[in-house]
Amino acid sequence: MMSADGKGEGESGMVVCASCGVAEADDMKLKKCTACKSARYCSIKCQKEHRPKHKRDCKKRAAELRDEILFKQPECSHFGDCPIC
């Protein structure tokens, strides 16, 4: 089943569906939650069934990801030039 932290990894470290616990295989790739990018699902049915449990954590993680992108400092490449220009 899903790990305690909700990231969709089984006890053996394999990536598993957050809802039903089926493991990812060569012929079946699990799809990531598009908002938080941490939960993985084998089907739309599993995603919909798991949504009520996942919603709060998903919103929190999605906000963290947005903040990381918004407040990421650009690499400094201006060698003494004005950082505004």
N, C-alpha and C. Protein backbone atom coordinates (compact mmCIF):
# COMPACT_ATOMS: atom_id res chain seq x y z
N MET A 1 0.83 -1.19 0.00
CA MET A 1 0.00 0.00 0.00
C MET A 1 0.87 1.24 0.00
N MET A 2 0.24 2.38 0.19
CA MET A 2 0.95 3.65 0.14
C MET A 2 1.80 3.81 1.39
N SER A 3 2.92 4.49 1.28
CA SER A 3 3.79 4.73 2.41
C SER A 3 3.14 5.71 3.37
N ALA A 4 3.68 5.79 4.56
CA ALA A 4 3.13 6.67 5.59
C ALA A 4 3.21 8.14 5.20
N ASP A 5 4.22 8.50 4.40
CA ASP A 5 4.34 9.90 4.00
C ASP A 5 3.49 10.24 2.78
N GLY A 6 2.76 9.26 2.24
CA GLY A 6 1.83 9.52 1.15
C GLY A 6 2.46 9.65 -0.21
N LYS A 7 3.71 9.25 -0.37
CA LYS A 7 4.39 9.46 -1.64
C LYS A 7 4.23 8.31 -2.61
N GLY A 8 3.57 7.24 -2.21
CA GLY A 8 3.31 6.17 -3.15
C GLY A 8 4.46 5.20 -3.32
N GLU A 9 5.28 5.00 -2.29
CA GLU A 9 6.34 4.01 -2.37
C GLU A 9 6.03 2.90 -1.39
N GLY A 10 6.21 1.67 -1.83
CA GLY A 10 5.97 0.53 -0.98
C GLY A 10 7.13 0.31 -0.03
N GLU A 11 7.02 -0.73 0.80
CA GLU A 11 8.06 -1.04 1.78
C GLU A 11 9.38 -1.38 1.11
N SER A 12 9.34 -1.96 -0.06
CA SER A 12 10.56 -2.36 -0.76
C SER A 12 11.17 -1.22 -1.58
N GLY A 13 10.57 -0.03 -1.52
CA GLY A 13 11.09 1.11 -2.27
C GLY A 13 10.53 1.21 -3.68
N MET A 14 9.68 0.26 -4.06
CA MET A 14 9.07 0.30 -5.39
C MET A 14 7.99 1.37 -5.43
N VAL A 15 7.78 1.96 -6.58
CA VAL A 15 6.73 2.94 -6.76
C VAL A 15 5.42 2.20 -6.94
N VAL A 16 4.42 2.58 -6.12
CA VAL A 16 3.12 1.90 -6.16
C VAL A 16 1.99 2.91 -6.27
N CYS A 17 0.84 2.44 -6.73
CA CYS A 17 -0.35 3.26 -6.82
C CYS A 17 -0.75 3.70 -5.41
N ALA A 18 -1.02 4.98 -5.21
CA ALA A 18 -1.37 5.51 -3.90
C ALA A 18 -2.72 4.98 -3.42
N SER A 19 -3.56 4.52 -4.31
CA SER A 19 -4.88 4.04 -3.94
C SER A 19 -4.91 2.53 -3.72
N CYS A 20 -4.52 1.76 -4.71
CA CYS A 20 -4.68 0.30 -4.62
C CYS A 20 -3.38 -0.44 -4.29
N GLY A 21 -2.23 0.22 -4.43
CA GLY A 21 -0.97 -0.40 -4.06
C GLY A 21 -0.32 -1.24 -5.14
N VAL A 22 -0.86 -1.24 -6.36
CA VAL A 22 -0.26 -2.02 -7.43
C VAL A 22 1.08 -1.37 -7.81
N ALA A 23 2.10 -2.20 -8.03
CA ALA A 23 3.45 -1.72 -8.33
C ALA A 23 3.60 -1.33 -9.79
N GLU A 24 4.44 -0.33 -10.02
CA GLU A 24 4.76 0.07 -11.39
C GLU A 24 5.58 -1.04 -12.05
N ALA A 25 5.29 -1.31 -13.31
CA ALA A 25 6.01 -2.33 -14.06
C ALA A 25 6.39 -1.77 -15.42
N ASP A 26 7.20 -2.54 -16.17
CA ASP A 26 7.64 -2.09 -17.50
C ASP A 26 6.45 -1.83 -18.42
N ASP A 27 5.43 -2.66 -18.33
CA ASP A 27 4.28 -2.52 -19.23
C ASP A 27 3.22 -1.55 -18.68
N MET A 28 3.37 -1.09 -17.43
CA MET A 28 2.39 -0.17 -16.86
C MET A 28 3.11 0.92 -16.06
N LYS A 29 3.07 2.12 -16.56
CA LYS A 29 3.66 3.26 -15.88
C LYS A 29 2.58 3.95 -15.06
N LEU A 30 2.91 4.31 -13.82
CA LEU A 30 1.97 5.04 -12.98
C LEU A 30 2.06 6.52 -13.33
N LYS A 31 0.91 7.18 -13.31
CA LYS A 31 0.86 8.60 -13.63
C LYS A 31 0.91 9.42 -12.35
N LYS A 32 1.68 10.52 -12.36
CA LYS A 32 1.82 11.40 -11.20
C LYS A 32 0.63 12.33 -11.09
N CYS A 33 0.30 12.69 -9.86
CA CYS A 33 -0.69 13.74 -9.62
C CYS A 33 -0.12 15.01 -10.25
N THR A 34 -0.89 15.67 -11.08
CA THR A 34 -0.37 16.84 -11.79
C THR A 34 -0.16 18.05 -10.90
N ALA A 35 -0.83 18.10 -9.76
CA ALA A 35 -0.68 19.25 -8.87
C ALA A 35 0.55 19.12 -7.97
N CYS A 36 0.64 18.02 -7.23
CA CYS A 36 1.72 17.89 -6.24
C CYS A 36 2.91 17.08 -6.74
N LYS A 37 2.72 16.31 -7.78
CA LYS A 37 3.76 15.50 -8.39
C LYS A 37 4.32 14.40 -7.48
N SER A 38 3.64 14.11 -6.36
CA SER A 38 4.17 13.08 -5.48
C SER A 38 3.34 11.80 -5.47
N ALA A 39 2.04 11.90 -5.51
CA ALA A 39 1.20 10.70 -5.53
C ALA A 39 1.17 10.14 -6.95
N ARG A 40 1.09 8.83 -7.04
CA ARG A 40 1.03 8.16 -8.35
C ARG A 40 -0.16 7.23 -8.38
N TYR A 41 -0.74 7.11 -9.58
CA TYR A 41 -1.95 6.30 -9.74
C TYR A 41 -1.85 5.44 -10.99
N CYS A 42 -2.49 4.25 -10.89
CA CYS A 42 -2.49 3.33 -12.03
C CYS A 42 -3.66 3.64 -12.97
N SER A 43 -4.71 4.29 -12.46
CA SER A 43 -5.88 4.57 -13.29
C SER A 43 -6.62 5.80 -12.78
N ILE A 44 -7.48 6.33 -13.61
CA ILE A 44 -8.31 7.46 -13.22
C ILE A 44 -9.25 7.05 -12.08
N LYS A 45 -9.71 5.81 -12.13
CA LYS A 45 -10.59 5.29 -11.08
C LYS A 45 -9.89 5.36 -9.72
N CYS A 46 -8.66 4.91 -9.65
CA CYS A 46 -7.90 4.96 -8.40
C CYS A 46 -7.66 6.40 -7.96
N GLN A 47 -7.38 7.28 -8.90
CA GLN A 47 -7.15 8.68 -8.57
C GLN A 47 -8.40 9.30 -7.96
N LYS A 48 -9.55 9.03 -8.55
CA LYS A 48 -10.81 9.58 -8.04
C LYS A 48 -11.15 9.01 -6.66
N GLU A 49 -10.92 7.71 -6.46
CA GLU A 49 -11.20 7.09 -5.17
C GLU A 49 -10.29 7.63 -4.07
N HIS A 50 -9.06 7.95 -4.40
CA HIS A 50 -8.08 8.39 -3.41
C HIS A 50 -8.14 9.89 -3.16
N ARG A 51 -8.80 10.64 -4.02
CA ARG A 51 -8.81 12.10 -3.94
C ARG A 51 -9.21 12.66 -2.57
N PRO A 52 -10.27 12.17 -1.93
CA PRO A 52 -10.62 12.74 -0.62
C PRO A 52 -9.50 12.61 0.42
N LYS A 53 -8.75 11.52 0.39
CA LYS A 53 -7.64 11.32 1.33
C LYS A 53 -6.43 12.17 0.96
N HIS A 54 -6.27 12.41 -0.31
CA HIS A 54 -5.06 13.06 -0.84
C HIS A 54 -5.19 14.59 -0.92
N LYS A 55 -6.41 15.10 -0.94
CA LYS A 55 -6.67 16.51 -1.26
C LYS A 55 -5.90 17.48 -0.37
N ARG A 56 -5.94 17.32 0.94
CA ARG A 56 -5.28 18.28 1.84
C ARG A 56 -3.76 18.30 1.63
N ASP A 57 -3.14 17.11 1.61
CA ASP A 57 -1.69 17.03 1.40
C ASP A 57 -1.30 17.55 0.03
N CYS A 58 -2.16 17.28 -0.95
CA CYS A 58 -1.88 17.72 -2.32
C CYS A 58 -1.83 19.24 -2.40
N LYS A 59 -2.81 19.89 -1.81
CA LYS A 59 -2.84 21.36 -1.85
C LYS A 59 -1.63 21.96 -1.16
N LYS A 60 -1.24 21.37 -0.04
CA LYS A 60 -0.07 21.86 0.70
C LYS A 60 1.20 21.70 -0.14
N ARG A 61 1.39 20.53 -0.72
CA ARG A 61 2.60 20.28 -1.53
C ARG A 61 2.61 21.13 -2.79
N ALA A 62 1.46 21.30 -3.42
CA ALA A 62 1.37 22.12 -4.63
C ALA A 62 1.75 23.57 -4.31
N ALA A 63 1.32 24.07 -3.15
CA ALA A 63 1.68 25.43 -2.74
C ALA A 63 3.18 25.54 -2.50
N GLU A 64 3.77 24.51 -1.90
CA GLU A 64 5.22 24.50 -1.69
C GLU A 64 5.97 24.53 -3.02
N LEU A 65 5.50 23.76 -3.99
CA LEU A 65 6.14 23.74 -5.31
C LEU A 65 6.04 25.10 -5.99
N ARG A 66 4.86 25.73 -5.90
CA ARG A 66 4.69 27.07 -6.49
C ARG A 66 5.63 28.07 -5.83
N ASP A 67 5.75 28.02 -4.50
CA ASP A 67 6.64 28.93 -3.79
C ASP A 67 8.09 28.72 -4.20
N GLU A 68 8.49 27.46 -4.36
CA GLU A 68 9.86 27.18 -4.79
C GLU A 68 10.14 27.82 -6.14
N ILE A 69 9.21 27.73 -7.05
CA ILE A 69 9.38 28.31 -8.39
C ILE A 69 9.37 29.83 -8.32
N LEU A 70 8.43 30.39 -7.56
CA LEU A 70 8.31 31.84 -7.47
C LEU A 70 9.51 32.50 -6.83
N PHE A 71 10.03 31.90 -5.77
CA PHE A 71 11.08 32.55 -4.99
C PHE A 71 12.47 32.01 -5.27
N LYS A 72 12.60 31.24 -6.33
CA LYS A 72 13.90 30.71 -6.71
C LYS A 72 14.77 31.86 -7.22
N GLN A 73 15.96 31.98 -6.67
CA GLN A 73 16.88 33.03 -7.07
C GLN A 73 17.59 32.62 -8.35
N PRO A 74 17.63 33.51 -9.32
CA PRO A 74 18.33 33.18 -10.57
C PRO A 74 19.84 33.10 -10.35
N GLU A 75 20.49 32.35 -11.19
CA GLU A 75 21.94 32.25 -11.13
C GLU A 75 22.54 33.62 -11.45
N CYS A 76 23.52 34.01 -10.69
CA CYS A 76 24.14 35.32 -10.89
C CYS A 76 25.16 35.21 -12.04
N SER A 77 24.94 35.96 -13.08
CA SER A 77 25.86 35.92 -14.22
C SER A 77 26.23 37.31 -14.70
N HIS A 78 26.05 38.28 -13.83
CA HIS A 78 26.27 39.66 -14.26
C HIS A 78 27.61 40.22 -13.82
N PHE A 79 28.43 39.49 -13.14
CA PHE A 79 29.80 39.88 -12.76
C PHE A 79 29.95 41.35 -12.43
N GLY A 80 29.23 41.81 -11.42
CA GLY A 80 29.39 43.19 -10.95
C GLY A 80 28.42 44.17 -11.59
N ASP A 81 27.70 43.77 -12.61
CA ASP A 81 26.72 44.66 -13.21
C ASP A 81 25.53 44.83 -12.27
N CYS A 82 24.75 45.82 -12.51
CA CYS A 82 23.54 46.05 -11.73
C CYS A 82 22.61 44.86 -11.90
N PRO A 83 22.12 44.24 -10.80
CA PRO A 83 21.25 43.08 -10.93
C PRO A 83 19.86 43.42 -11.48
N ILE A 84 19.51 44.68 -11.49
CA ILE A 84 18.22 45.09 -12.01
C ILE A 84 18.26 45.21 -13.53
N CYS A 85 19.37 45.66 -14.07
CA CYS A 85 19.48 45.93 -15.52
C CYS A 85 19.64 44.71 -16.35
